[in-house]
Amino acid sequence: MQRITLMPKEVTFPELSTLEFGIIETYNEAIKSYNEKARNSLNIFSNKNGELAESNCFAPIVLRQYLPKNSRLATMVDLGRATEINPSFLKGFYSDTGLTLRTNGDSHSPNDLLAKKLTKELKSRGINLKNPKVIYFDALDLKQDNNSDYGLVYILNERAKLGENIFDAPELMKDNFNFKTMDSKTGIPIENKQGNRTCYTRKDGLDRFCLVRSSSVVSDFRGLVYSNDGGRVVVVSNAESVANSQIFSDYLKSLEEERNRQVAEIDKKYSEARAILTKK
């Protein structure tokens, strides 16, 4: 018997990539409209062998509007899929995807105003902080504010929506935990004691939601403006056509089910082998 699965011609697959440095000219022109205090938080990018290097939790939001057509900033969902397909993807680098907000205010004083204002923004949309929130860059815009240590505060834009680019994240209130995979909708790591990756957490405030050099996830780093040349802005191309394809969504679902089946099978074999080896 011969068999072949046909994929429609109109279906295109997403591609993750870092940005070339050439985009910097347009970006630098754009940030001239900000005052000096805000520009200090935005003027971060450097050239690393023709690649746009560095990242923080402000600059990608401005850069977003100058991305190539049909491209968007990567979320942790995208980075999670990429690192499962190729564990060496972004090894040695870090990439910011958004924010983690746990409380109305922050014990780290530079973030206190931003946490309070963002909590107020959520409340105005009928979203409470009963659970911590992961808020992706897609939901955020920036507003200048001289009362902010960064010269900027976050506001929710018209795309901001709970369940789409804002997610409940009760998992991120627990202590640091190991994981292997991330939730395919939210990008939040799924605890697995046998996992070789770590999700770092803390109990209050506003933090980065960031994939770091070891493919672990940081949700406890308070330095929103900090940047170094290990940072990369990752974008997804062919984003719209994939998002609108029900066939592709079904295909991804079947892949996820098969992945989960194989992971469960491996975990079972591991447990059985361990039980035999440790049996007295």
Protein backbone atom coordinates (compact mmCIF):
# COMPACT_ATOMS: atom_id res chain seq x y z
CA MET A 1 0.00 0.00 0.00
CA GLN A 2 1.24 3.49 -0.89
CA ARG A 3 0.21 6.56 1.09
CA ILE A 4 0.90 10.30 0.96
CA THR A 5 -0.49 13.24 2.91
CA LEU A 6 -1.25 16.29 0.76
CA MET A 7 -0.80 19.74 2.26
CA PRO A 8 -2.64 22.61 0.51
CA LYS A 9 -0.50 24.95 -1.59
CA GLU A 10 -1.71 28.00 0.33
CA VAL A 11 -0.31 26.73 3.64
CA THR A 12 3.05 28.25 4.55
CA PHE A 13 5.11 27.33 7.55
CA PRO A 14 6.41 29.88 10.07
CA GLU A 15 10.10 30.60 10.31
CA LEU A 16 11.89 32.01 13.34
CA SER A 17 14.91 34.20 12.81
CA THR A 18 16.97 36.92 14.40
CA LEU A 19 17.16 40.33 12.76
CA GLU A 20 19.86 41.80 10.58
CA PHE A 21 21.49 45.00 11.80
CA GLY A 22 20.23 46.93 8.75
CA ILE A 23 16.93 47.67 10.52
CA ILE A 24 18.76 49.93 13.00
CA GLU A 25 18.67 53.05 10.81
CA THR A 26 14.87 53.12 10.78
CA TYR A 27 14.72 52.30 14.48
CA ASN A 28 17.18 55.03 15.50
CA GLU A 29 15.18 57.57 13.55
CA ALA A 30 12.00 56.48 15.34
CA ILE A 31 13.36 56.86 18.87
CA LYS A 32 14.42 60.47 18.22
CA SER A 33 10.84 61.44 19.06
CA TYR A 34 11.33 60.24 22.68
CA ASN A 35 12.86 62.43 25.39
CA GLU A 36 16.36 61.78 26.66
CA LYS A 37 15.32 59.69 29.66
CA ALA A 38 13.21 57.36 27.52
CA ARG A 39 15.88 57.17 24.81
CA ASN A 40 18.35 55.87 27.39
CA SER A 41 16.06 52.85 27.80
CA LEU A 42 15.58 52.41 24.05
CA ASN A 43 19.00 53.12 22.56
CA ILE A 44 20.47 49.69 23.24
CA PHE A 45 21.10 47.82 19.99
CA SER A 46 24.57 47.00 18.68
CA ASN A 47 26.05 45.28 15.64
CA LYS A 48 27.34 41.74 16.09
CA ASN A 49 28.68 40.45 12.77
CA GLY A 50 25.82 42.04 10.86
CA GLU A 51 23.18 40.82 13.32
CA LEU A 52 21.07 43.05 15.55
CA ALA A 53 22.34 42.32 19.06
CA GLU A 54 20.96 43.10 22.54
CA SER A 55 17.44 43.17 23.94
CA ASN A 56 15.42 44.48 26.87
CA CYS A 57 11.73 44.89 27.71
CA PHE A 58 11.27 48.26 26.01
CA ALA A 59 13.14 48.37 22.70
CA PRO A 60 11.36 45.43 20.99
CA ILE A 61 8.00 47.16 21.47
CA VAL A 62 9.18 50.14 19.41
CA LEU A 63 11.03 47.94 16.92
CA ARG A 64 7.85 45.90 16.36
CA GLN A 65 6.29 48.39 13.94
CA TYR A 66 9.33 48.27 11.62
CA LEU A 67 9.53 44.52 11.17
CA PRO A 68 9.33 42.98 7.67
CA LYS A 69 5.84 42.46 6.25
CA ASN A 70 3.89 39.52 7.68
CA SER A 71 6.32 39.24 10.60
CA ARG A 72 5.84 39.61 14.34
CA LEU A 73 7.82 39.33 17.54
CA ALA A 74 8.23 35.76 18.76
CA THR A 75 6.37 34.65 21.88
CA MET A 76 7.52 31.99 24.32
CA VAL A 77 5.17 29.61 22.49
CA ASP A 78 7.27 30.10 19.36
CA LEU A 79 10.57 29.79 21.19
CA GLY A 80 9.28 26.71 23.01
CA ARG A 81 8.44 24.97 19.74
CA ALA A 82 11.77 25.97 18.22
CA THR A 83 13.81 24.66 21.15
CA GLU A 84 11.90 21.39 21.16
CA ILE A 85 12.63 20.92 17.44
CA ASN A 86 16.24 22.04 17.82
CA PRO A 87 17.56 22.25 21.41
CA SER A 88 20.57 24.26 20.23
CA PHE A 89 18.38 27.09 18.90
CA LEU A 90 19.43 30.32 20.67
CA LYS A 91 21.91 28.41 22.84
CA GLY A 92 24.23 30.99 24.36
CA PHE A 93 21.78 33.83 23.72
CA TYR A 94 18.67 35.28 25.35
CA SER A 95 15.45 36.64 23.92
CA ASP A 96 12.71 38.68 25.63
CA THR A 97 9.08 37.88 24.83
CA GLY A 98 7.13 39.96 27.36
CA LEU A 99 6.49 40.52 31.06
CA THR A 100 5.44 38.61 34.16
CA LEU A 101 3.23 40.63 36.53
CA ARG A 102 2.48 39.10 39.92
CA THR A 103 1.38 41.93 42.22
CA ASN A 104 0.08 45.48 42.24
CA GLY A 105 3.45 47.04 43.02
CA ASP A 106 7.01 45.80 43.33
CA SER A 107 9.54 45.59 46.16
CA HIS A 108 12.13 46.54 43.51
CA SER A 109 11.50 50.29 43.50
CA PRO A 110 12.31 51.05 39.81
CA ASN A 111 9.52 48.67 38.78
CA ASP A 112 6.96 49.72 41.40
CA LEU A 113 5.32 52.48 39.34
CA LEU A 114 5.20 50.32 36.22
CA ALA A 115 3.63 47.40 38.09
CA LYS A 116 0.95 49.64 39.62
CA LYS A 117 0.11 51.32 36.32
CA LEU A 118 -0.04 48.02 34.47
CA THR A 119 -2.28 46.54 37.17
CA LYS A 120 -4.59 49.54 36.74
CA GLU A 121 -4.58 49.00 32.96
CA LEU A 122 -5.58 45.37 33.44
CA LYS A 123 -8.32 46.30 35.90
CA SER A 124 -9.77 48.75 33.36
CA ARG A 125 -10.16 45.77 31.00
CA GLY A 126 -11.83 43.67 33.69
CA ILE A 127 -8.71 41.57 34.30
CA ASN A 128 -7.71 40.97 37.93
CA LEU A 129 -4.44 39.81 39.49
CA LYS A 130 -5.86 36.86 41.37
CA ASN A 131 -3.26 34.92 39.40
CA PRO A 132 0.05 36.25 38.03
CA LYS A 133 -0.08 37.24 34.39
CA VAL A 134 2.20 36.66 31.44
CA ILE A 135 1.79 39.66 29.14
CA TYR A 136 3.38 39.38 25.70
CA PHE A 137 4.81 42.38 23.86
CA ASP A 138 1.95 42.15 21.35
CA ALA A 139 -0.43 43.40 24.08
CA LEU A 140 1.75 46.37 25.08
CA ASP A 141 2.56 49.89 23.97
CA LEU A 142 4.87 52.41 25.66
CA LYS A 143 4.09 55.82 27.10
CA GLN A 144 6.63 58.40 28.21
CA ASP A 145 6.54 59.20 31.93
CA ASN A 146 9.25 61.19 33.68
CA ASN A 147 8.19 59.72 37.03
CA SER A 148 9.43 56.35 35.80
CA ASP A 149 13.07 55.39 36.38
CA TYR A 150 13.05 54.22 32.77
CA GLY A 151 11.30 57.29 31.35
CA LEU A 152 8.59 54.91 30.13
CA VAL A 153 5.56 52.98 31.41
CA TYR A 154 3.52 50.21 29.82
CA ILE A 155 -0.03 50.59 28.56
CA LEU A 156 -2.31 47.95 27.05
CA ASN A 157 -3.09 48.41 23.36
CA GLU A 158 -6.22 47.58 21.38
CA ARG A 159 -4.98 44.03 20.71
CA ALA A 160 -4.58 43.16 24.40
CA LYS A 161 -6.87 40.29 25.31
CA LEU A 162 -6.90 37.71 28.09
CA GLY A 163 -6.41 34.26 26.60
CA GLU A 164 -4.69 35.54 23.46
CA ASN A 165 -1.66 37.62 24.46
CA ILE A 166 -2.30 37.84 28.21
CA PHE A 167 -2.42 34.61 30.22
CA ASP A 168 -3.05 33.51 33.78
CA ALA A 169 0.17 32.03 35.16
CA PRO A 170 -0.38 30.57 38.66
CA GLU A 171 2.58 28.24 37.95
CA LEU A 172 4.92 31.22 38.13
CA MET A 173 4.18 31.81 41.84
CA LYS A 174 5.74 28.53 42.91
CA ASP A 175 9.46 28.12 43.59
CA ASN A 176 11.90 27.53 40.74
CA PHE A 177 11.02 24.28 38.95
CA ASN A 178 12.32 21.98 36.24
CA PHE A 179 10.57 21.44 32.91
CA LYS A 180 10.95 19.81 29.51
CA THR A 181 8.22 21.46 27.46
CA MET A 182 5.98 24.52 27.48
CA ASP A 183 2.23 24.87 27.17
CA SER A 184 1.44 25.08 23.45
CA LYS A 185 -1.01 27.97 23.92
CA THR A 186 0.51 30.09 26.69
CA GLY A 187 4.24 29.34 26.47
CA ILE A 188 4.35 28.79 30.23
CA PRO A 189 6.72 25.94 31.22
CA ILE A 190 5.10 22.69 32.35
CA GLU A 191 6.68 21.37 35.54
CA ASN A 192 8.53 18.07 35.13
CA LYS A 193 10.95 16.94 37.81
CA GLN A 194 12.94 15.00 35.20
CA GLY A 195 13.31 18.08 33.03
CA ASN A 196 16.75 19.51 32.33
CA ARG A 197 15.55 23.10 31.95
CA THR A 198 14.64 25.49 34.77
CA CYS A 199 11.91 28.08 35.15
CA TYR A 200 13.04 30.81 37.55
CA THR A 201 10.39 32.61 39.61
CA ARG A 202 9.86 35.06 42.44
CA LYS A 203 6.90 36.07 44.62
CA ASP A 204 6.05 39.66 43.68
CA GLY A 205 6.36 42.46 41.20
CA LEU A 206 7.09 42.93 37.52
CA ASP A 207 9.72 40.88 35.69
CA ARG A 208 10.92 39.86 32.27
CA PHE A 209 9.53 36.74 30.59
CA CYS A 210 12.62 35.63 28.79
CA LEU A 211 14.30 32.59 27.25
CA VAL A 212 17.92 32.51 28.41
CA ARG A 213 21.19 31.01 27.23
CA SER A 214 20.53 27.50 28.57
CA SER A 215 17.01 27.35 27.03
CA SER A 216 15.62 27.92 30.52
CA VAL A 217 12.92 30.51 31.24
CA VAL A 218 13.45 33.55 33.42
CA SER A 219 10.42 35.14 35.07
CA ASP A 220 12.28 36.57 38.07
CA PHE A 221 14.62 39.12 36.50
CA ARG A 222 13.69 42.64 37.61
CA GLY A 223 16.13 44.53 35.37
CA LEU A 224 13.69 45.52 32.64
CA VAL A 225 16.16 47.81 30.88
CA TYR A 226 19.28 45.67 31.20
CA SER A 227 20.82 44.55 27.92
CA ASN A 228 24.00 42.92 26.64
CA ASP A 229 25.27 41.64 23.31
CA GLY A 230 23.99 38.14 24.05
CA GLY A 231 20.45 39.39 23.47
CA ARG A 232 18.57 38.75 20.22
CA VAL A 233 15.19 39.95 18.97
CA VAL A 234 13.52 36.90 17.42
CA VAL A 235 10.76 37.32 14.85
CA VAL A 236 8.28 34.96 13.21
CA SER A 237 7.78 35.31 9.45
CA ASN A 238 4.81 33.91 7.51
CA ALA A 239 2.91 34.59 10.73
CA GLU A 240 -0.52 35.61 9.39
CA SER A 241 -1.01 32.84 6.85
CA VAL A 242 -0.21 30.19 9.46
CA ALA A 243 -2.40 31.76 12.14
CA ASN A 244 -5.36 31.76 9.72
CA SER A 245 -4.95 28.17 8.58
CA GLN A 246 -7.27 25.72 10.33
CA ILE A 247 -5.55 22.88 8.53
CA PHE A 248 -2.21 23.93 9.93
CA SER A 249 -3.71 24.28 13.42
CA ASP A 250 -5.03 20.73 13.18
CA TYR A 251 -1.65 19.57 11.94
CA LEU A 252 0.10 21.22 14.89
CA LYS A 253 -2.40 19.62 17.27
CA SER A 254 -1.65 16.16 15.88
CA LEU A 255 2.08 16.82 16.17
CA GLU A 256 1.64 17.90 19.78
CA GLU A 257 -0.38 14.78 20.59
CA GLU A 258 2.31 12.59 19.05
CA ARG A 259 5.02 14.46 20.94
CA ASN A 260 3.16 14.00 24.22
CA ARG A 261 2.67 10.29 23.49
CA GLN A 262 6.38 9.80 22.83
CA VAL A 263 7.41 11.80 25.90
CA ALA A 264 5.04 9.75 28.09
CA GLU A 265 6.44 6.52 26.64
CA ILE A 266 10.03 7.60 27.30
CA ASP A 267 9.15 8.68 30.86
CA LYS A 268 7.50 5.30 31.49
CA LYS A 269 10.55 3.38 30.23
CA TYR A 270 12.83 5.58 32.32
CA SER A 271 10.76 4.96 35.48
CA GLU A 272 10.65 1.22 34.87
CA ALA A 273 14.41 1.05 34.26
CA ARG A 274 15.14 3.14 37.32
CA ALA A 275 12.90 0.93 39.47
CA ILE A 276 14.76 -2.18 38.30
CA LEU A 277 18.21 -0.65 38.84
CA THR A 278 17.42 0.67 42.30
CA LYS A 279 15.52 -2.39 43.52
CA LYS A 280 17.20 -4.01 46.47
